[in-house]
Amino acid sequence: MENQRMPHDHGNQDRQASFRAQLEQTEKFQTVSDVFRHLGDPTRLRLFWLLCHCEECVVNISSLMGMSSPAVSHHLRLLRGAGLIVSRREGKEVYYRAADSLQSRLLHQVIEQVMEITCP
């Protein structure tokens, strides 16, 4: 399928072949889509933004967010599954924070740019 000609030849066949190769990597697009799906909920966005600035346990996050611990845990599980946050255990407590990854840093910047806020 690499040599397939486009219906209209605009003289950029090399570029189109490169686009086609990238577009065929559907699993990578699915990964990005999954991240945005997880961030499509304002509660998860708020949680993610909070955890970009601090490391907290579920009880404290629940208090800050004004939510029940089970509801917070549900959202945290989804964010962790998406690779946006990480957790660590200290005794019986589990602490959560934003993952130290390029994706998390970029998403944090996007949130703050769109909301026109800065880090506390």
C-alpha atoms as a PDB file:
ATOM      1  CA  MET A   1       0.000   0.000   0.000  1.00  0.00           C
ATOM      2  CA  GLU A   2       3.083   2.247   0.250  1.00  0.00           C
ATOM      3  CA  ASN A   3       3.106   2.918  -3.474  1.00  0.00           C
ATOM      4  CA  GLN A   4      -0.558   3.785  -3.650  1.00  0.00           C
ATOM      5  CA  ARG A   5      -1.112   7.022  -5.524  1.00  0.00           C
ATOM      6  CA  MET A   6      -3.334   9.713  -4.126  1.00  0.00           C
ATOM      7  CA  PRO A   7      -6.472  10.676  -6.077  1.00  0.00           C
ATOM      8  CA  HIS A   8      -5.018  14.158  -6.623  1.00  0.00           C
ATOM      9  CA  ASP A   9      -1.284  14.513  -7.209  1.00  0.00           C
ATOM     10  CA  HIS A  10      -0.139  17.773  -5.638  1.00  0.00           C
ATOM     11  CA  GLY A  11       3.544  16.917  -5.921  1.00  0.00           C
ATOM     12  CA  ASN A  12       4.079  15.873  -2.309  1.00  0.00           C
ATOM     13  CA  GLN A  13       4.059  12.077  -2.611  1.00  0.00           C
ATOM     14  CA  ASP A  14       7.061  11.693  -0.273  1.00  0.00           C
ATOM     15  CA  ARG A  15       5.289  13.553   2.505  1.00  0.00           C
ATOM     16  CA  GLN A  16       2.094  11.624   1.951  1.00  0.00           C
ATOM     17  CA  ALA A  17       3.980   8.323   2.255  1.00  0.00           C
ATOM     18  CA  SER A  18       5.341   9.517   5.604  1.00  0.00           C
ATOM     19  CA  PHE A  19       1.845  10.522   6.753  1.00  0.00           C
ATOM     20  CA  ARG A  20       0.458   7.156   5.661  1.00  0.00           C
ATOM     21  CA  ALA A  21       3.135   5.299   7.665  1.00  0.00           C
ATOM     22  CA  GLN A  22       2.272   7.277  10.801  1.00  0.00           C
ATOM     23  CA  LEU A  23      -1.488   6.938  10.298  1.00  0.00           C
ATOM     24  CA  GLU A  24      -1.144   3.157  10.098  1.00  0.00           C
ATOM     25  CA  GLN A  25       0.106   3.084  13.714  1.00  0.00           C
ATOM     26  CA  THR A  26      -3.420   2.952  15.080  1.00  0.00           C
ATOM     27  CA  GLU A  27      -2.334   1.554  18.468  1.00  0.00           C
ATOM     28  CA  LYS A  28      -0.363   4.735  19.190  1.00  0.00           C
ATOM     29  CA  PHE A  29      -3.350   6.900  18.322  1.00  0.00           C
ATOM     30  CA  GLN A  30      -5.473   4.693  20.588  1.00  0.00           C
ATOM     31  CA  THR A  31      -3.067   5.323  23.476  1.00  0.00           C
ATOM     32  CA  VAL A  32      -3.371   9.091  23.034  1.00  0.00           C
ATOM     33  CA  SER A  33      -7.138   8.796  22.732  1.00  0.00           C
ATOM     34  CA  ASP A  34      -7.259   6.830  25.991  1.00  0.00           C
ATOM     35  CA  VAL A  35      -5.325   9.559  27.817  1.00  0.00           C
ATOM     36  CA  PHE A  36      -7.723  12.229  26.577  1.00  0.00           C
ATOM     37  CA  ARG A  37     -10.714  10.040  27.444  1.00  0.00           C
ATOM     38  CA  HIS A  38      -9.473   9.824  31.025  1.00  0.00           C
ATOM     39  CA  LEU A  39      -9.005  13.575  31.125  1.00  0.00           C
ATOM     40  CA  GLY A  40     -12.459  14.181  29.644  1.00  0.00           C
ATOM     41  CA  ASP A  41     -13.902  14.332  33.144  1.00  0.00           C
ATOM     42  CA  PRO A  42     -13.494  17.627  35.047  1.00  0.00           C
ATOM     43  CA  THR A  43     -13.046  15.792  38.350  1.00  0.00           C
ATOM     44  CA  ARG A  44     -10.082  13.860  36.974  1.00  0.00           C
ATOM     45  CA  LEU A  45      -8.623  17.052  35.535  1.00  0.00           C
ATOM     46  CA  ARG A  46      -8.880  18.692  38.951  1.00  0.00           C
ATOM     47  CA  LEU A  47      -7.300  15.649  40.612  1.00  0.00           C
ATOM     48  CA  PHE A  48      -4.501  15.533  38.078  1.00  0.00           C
ATOM     49  CA  TRP A  49      -3.807  19.257  38.468  1.00  0.00           C
ATOM     50  CA  LEU A  50      -3.739  18.913  42.263  1.00  0.00           C
ATOM     51  CA  LEU A  51      -1.326  15.994  42.103  1.00  0.00           C
ATOM     52  CA  CYS A  52       0.975  17.964  39.819  1.00  0.00           C
ATOM     53  CA  HIS A  53       1.570  20.216  42.828  1.00  0.00           C
ATOM     54  CA  CYS A  54       1.622  17.859  45.781  1.00  0.00           C
ATOM     55  CA  GLU A  55       1.751  14.282  46.921  1.00  0.00           C
ATOM     56  CA  GLU A  56      -1.236  13.309  49.047  1.00  0.00           C
ATOM     57  CA  CYS A  57      -3.136  10.360  50.472  1.00  0.00           C
ATOM     58  CA  VAL A  58      -6.716   9.573  49.487  1.00  0.00           C
ATOM     59  CA  VAL A  59      -8.172  10.939  52.742  1.00  0.00           C
ATOM     60  CA  ASN A  60      -6.528  14.345  52.279  1.00  0.00           C
ATOM     61  CA  ILE A  61      -7.391  14.419  48.567  1.00  0.00           C
ATOM     62  CA  SER A  62     -11.009  13.641  49.471  1.00  0.00           C
ATOM     63  CA  SER A  63     -11.046  16.546  51.901  1.00  0.00           C
ATOM     64  CA  LEU A  64      -9.503  18.957  49.400  1.00  0.00           C
ATOM     65  CA  MET A  65     -11.881  17.873  46.638  1.00  0.00           C
ATOM     66  CA  GLY A  66     -14.998  17.672  48.822  1.00  0.00           C
ATOM     67  CA  MET A  67     -15.616  14.084  47.688  1.00  0.00           C
ATOM     68  CA  SER A  68     -15.889  10.677  49.303  1.00  0.00           C
ATOM     69  CA  SER A  69     -12.777   8.517  49.507  1.00  0.00           C
ATOM     70  CA  PRO A  70     -14.296   5.760  47.310  1.00  0.00           C
ATOM     71  CA  ALA A  71     -15.131   8.302  44.579  1.00  0.00           C
ATOM     72  CA  VAL A  72     -11.611   9.743  44.714  1.00  0.00           C
ATOM     73  CA  SER A  73     -10.111   6.236  44.635  1.00  0.00           C
ATOM     74  CA  HIS A  74     -12.115   5.430  41.506  1.00  0.00           C
ATOM     75  CA  HIS A  75     -10.757   8.479  39.671  1.00  0.00           C
ATOM     76  CA  LEU A  76      -7.223   7.873  40.921  1.00  0.00           C
ATOM     77  CA  ARG A  77      -7.333   4.305  39.615  1.00  0.00           C
ATOM     78  CA  LEU A  78      -8.238   5.566  36.127  1.00  0.00           C
ATOM     79  CA  LEU A  79      -5.521   8.225  36.151  1.00  0.00           C
ATOM     80  CA  ARG A  80      -2.952   5.703  37.333  1.00  0.00           C
ATOM     81  CA  GLY A  81      -4.048   3.271  34.641  1.00  0.00           C
ATOM     82  CA  ALA A  82      -3.444   5.983  32.060  1.00  0.00           C
ATOM     83  CA  GLY A  83       0.075   6.481  33.424  1.00  0.00           C
ATOM     84  CA  LEU A  84      -0.593  10.069  34.461  1.00  0.00           C
ATOM     85  CA  ILE A  85      -0.096   9.545  38.199  1.00  0.00           C
ATOM     86  CA  VAL A  86       1.986   7.210  40.341  1.00  0.00           C
ATOM     87  CA  SER A  87       1.585   5.966  43.879  1.00  0.00           C
ATOM     88  CA  ARG A  88       3.793   4.836  46.706  1.00  0.00           C
ATOM     89  CA  ARG A  89       2.945   3.014  49.901  1.00  0.00           C
ATOM     90  CA  GLU A  90       4.216   4.095  53.306  1.00  0.00           C
ATOM     91  CA  GLY A  91       2.881   1.718  55.934  1.00  0.00           C
ATOM     92  CA  LYS A  92      -0.887   1.637  55.503  1.00  0.00           C
ATOM     93  CA  GLU A  93      -1.019   4.934  53.596  1.00  0.00           C
ATOM     94  CA  VAL A  94      -0.824   5.219  49.817  1.00  0.00           C
ATOM     95  CA  TYR A  95       0.390   8.543  48.457  1.00  0.00           C
ATOM     96  CA  TYR A  96      -0.337   9.791  44.942  1.00  0.00           C
ATOM     97  CA  ARG A  97       1.414  12.344  42.742  1.00  0.00           C
ATOM     98  CA  ALA A  98       1.689  13.177  39.059  1.00  0.00           C
ATOM     99  CA  ALA A  99       4.005  10.920  37.104  1.00  0.00           C
ATOM    100  CA  ASP A 100       7.389  12.370  36.245  1.00  0.00           C
ATOM    101  CA  SER A 101       6.887  12.039  32.507  1.00  0.00           C
ATOM    102  CA  LEU A 102       6.864  14.303  29.494  1.00  0.00           C
ATOM    103  CA  GLN A 103       3.165  13.591  28.956  1.00  0.00           C
ATOM    104  CA  SER A 104       2.264  14.650  32.508  1.00  0.00           C
ATOM    105  CA  ARG A 105       4.336  17.823  32.288  1.00  0.00           C
ATOM    106  CA  LEU A 106       2.784  18.770  28.952  1.00  0.00           C
ATOM    107  CA  LEU A 107      -0.752  18.117  30.183  1.00  0.00           C
ATOM    108  CA  HIS A 108      -0.054  20.166  33.294  1.00  0.00           C
ATOM    109  CA  GLN A 109       1.128  23.055  31.124  1.00  0.00           C
ATOM    110  CA  VAL A 110      -1.930  22.791  28.868  1.00  0.00           C
ATOM    111  CA  ILE A 111      -4.300  22.905  31.846  1.00  0.00           C
ATOM    112  CA  GLU A 112      -2.598  25.962  33.282  1.00  0.00           C
ATOM    113  CA  GLN A 113      -2.429  27.737  29.906  1.00  0.00           C
ATOM    114  CA  VAL A 114      -6.093  27.138  29.145  1.00  0.00           C
ATOM    115  CA  MET A 115      -7.171  28.149  32.637  1.00  0.00           C
ATOM    116  CA  GLU A 116      -4.712  31.058  32.700  1.00  0.00           C
ATOM    117  CA  ILE A 117      -3.389  30.071  36.129  1.00  0.00           C
ATOM    118  CA  THR A 118       0.088  29.480  37.449  1.00  0.00           C
ATOM    119  CA  CYS A 119       1.502  26.956  39.855  1.00  0.00           C
ATOM    120  CA  PRO A 120       0.937  27.804  43.503  1.00  0.00           C
END
